[in-house]
Protein backbone atom coordinates (compact mmCIF):
# COMPACT_ATOMS: atom_id res chain seq x y z
CA ARG A 1 -23.90 -93.14 96.61
CA LEU A 2 -20.76 -90.88 96.08
CA LEU A 3 -18.82 -93.68 94.21
CA ALA A 4 -22.05 -94.51 91.99
CA VAL A 5 -23.04 -91.11 91.08
CA VAL A 6 -19.13 -90.64 90.26
CA ALA A 7 -19.07 -94.27 87.78
CA LEU A 8 -22.83 -93.10 86.33
CA VAL A 9 -20.75 -89.50 85.32
CA SER A 10 -17.71 -91.09 84.22
CA VAL A 11 -19.77 -93.56 81.80
CA ALA A 12 -21.98 -90.93 80.54
CA ALA A 13 -18.98 -88.62 80.01
CA VAL A 14 -17.15 -90.90 77.96
CA ALA A 15 -19.74 -92.15 75.70
CA ALA A 16 -20.72 -88.41 75.25
CA VAL A 17 -17.63 -86.70 74.73
CA GLY A 18 -14.61 -89.30 74.56
CA ALA A 19 -11.92 -90.51 77.36
CA LEU A 20 -9.51 -87.74 76.64
CA LEU A 21 -12.19 -85.04 77.60
CA ALA A 22 -13.98 -86.95 80.12
CA THR A 23 -10.65 -87.36 82.11
CA ALA A 24 -9.86 -83.98 81.64
CA MET A 25 -13.17 -82.75 82.74
CA THR A 26 -13.10 -85.24 85.96
CA VAL A 27 -10.50 -86.83 87.12
CA VAL A 28 -7.95 -83.79 86.64
CA PRO A 29 -9.52 -81.21 88.41
CA ALA A 30 -10.21 -83.75 91.39
CA ALA A 31 -6.30 -84.86 91.63
CA THR A 32 -5.38 -80.86 91.50
CA THR A 33 -7.22 -79.73 94.37
CA ARG A 34 -6.73 -83.11 96.19
CA LEU A 35 -2.94 -82.04 96.41
CA LEU A 36 -4.39 -78.66 97.97
CA VAL A 37 -7.09 -79.48 100.11
CA ASN A 38 -7.63 -81.89 102.88
CA ARG A 39 -11.12 -82.05 103.58
CA MET A 40 -13.80 -84.05 101.49
CA LEU A 41 -16.46 -81.03 101.37
CA PRO A 42 -13.80 -78.29 100.04
CA TRP A 43 -12.43 -80.71 97.76
CA GLN A 44 -15.57 -81.33 96.37
CA LEU A 45 -16.26 -78.13 95.93
CA ALA A 46 -13.28 -76.81 94.77
CA SER A 47 -13.07 -79.66 92.43
CA MET A 48 -16.24 -78.55 90.89
CA ALA A 49 -15.57 -74.92 90.30
CA LEU A 50 -12.06 -75.94 88.91
CA GLY A 51 -13.56 -78.16 86.76
CA ALA A 52 -16.10 -75.29 85.51
CA VAL A 53 -13.40 -72.89 85.03
CA GLN A 54 -11.12 -74.97 83.26
CA SER A 55 -13.88 -75.98 80.51
CA LEU A 56 -14.84 -72.35 80.37
CA ALA A 57 -10.97 -71.20 80.17
CA GLY A 58 -10.49 -74.33 77.57
CA LEU A 59 -13.17 -73.30 75.24
CA TRP A 60 -12.05 -69.76 75.05
CA LEU A 61 -8.63 -70.74 74.05
CA SER A 62 -9.58 -73.15 71.44
CA VAL A 63 -11.66 -70.66 70.11
CA GLU A 64 -8.48 -67.77 70.10
CA LEU A 65 -5.98 -70.18 69.27
CA ASN A 66 -8.05 -72.09 66.81
CA ALA A 67 -7.49 -75.13 68.43
CA PRO A 68 -9.66 -78.23 69.28
CA PRO A 69 -11.34 -77.53 72.27
CA GLY A 70 -11.01 -80.65 73.85
CA ALA A 71 -7.22 -80.92 73.27
CA ALA A 72 -7.51 -76.86 74.63
CA ILE A 73 -9.38 -78.04 78.11
CA ALA A 74 -6.79 -81.01 78.40
CA VAL A 75 -3.50 -79.32 77.78
CA LEU A 76 -5.05 -76.68 80.52
CA GLY A 77 -5.94 -79.29 83.06
CA GLY A 78 -2.26 -80.50 82.28
CA VAL A 79 -0.90 -77.29 82.94
CA LEU A 80 -2.72 -76.80 86.14
CA PHE A 81 -2.03 -79.79 87.48
CA ALA A 82 1.67 -79.23 86.64
CA LEU A 83 1.71 -75.71 88.44
CA ALA A 84 -0.27 -76.89 91.60
CA GLY A 85 2.18 -80.09 91.73
CA ALA A 86 5.49 -77.56 91.41
CA TRP A 87 3.70 -75.22 94.05
CA VAL A 88 3.13 -77.73 96.54
CA ALA A 89 6.67 -79.19 96.67
CA TRP A 90 7.92 -75.80 96.61
CA ARG A 91 5.62 -75.06 99.49
CA ASP A 92 6.83 -78.26 101.63
CA ARG A 93 10.27 -78.23 100.61
CA PRO A 94 12.68 -78.74 103.53
CA ARG A 95 14.18 -74.76 104.81
CA ARG A 96 17.30 -74.20 106.41
CA HIS A 97 17.46 -72.15 109.25
CA GLY A 98 20.68 -70.75 110.99
CA ALA A 99 23.78 -69.52 109.70
CA VAL A 100 26.39 -72.08 108.13
CA VAL A 101 28.93 -72.87 110.82
CA ALA A 102 32.46 -73.79 109.61
CA ALA A 103 34.61 -76.12 111.86
């Protein structure tokens, strides 16, 4: 059922707003939250919340910067994805413990 709903939303969104904005509002928030969440229900809820916040913030930025709303939402989504990826890479980096011993 979930796959059918995702397919329906994707087709309707592409027809309504175009490929760039549909991707920025559906795929990018899900990919961003997947970096941070491992379980399905929290991932779905976080994706919906991030998509809504990202869309509203992108619309606000487009008004403030006099930019196209689709581009502002897409760029904001890309920036958030990059920040989440950088944070996960920093969090999971190998740590060195102990003092360095010279031989």
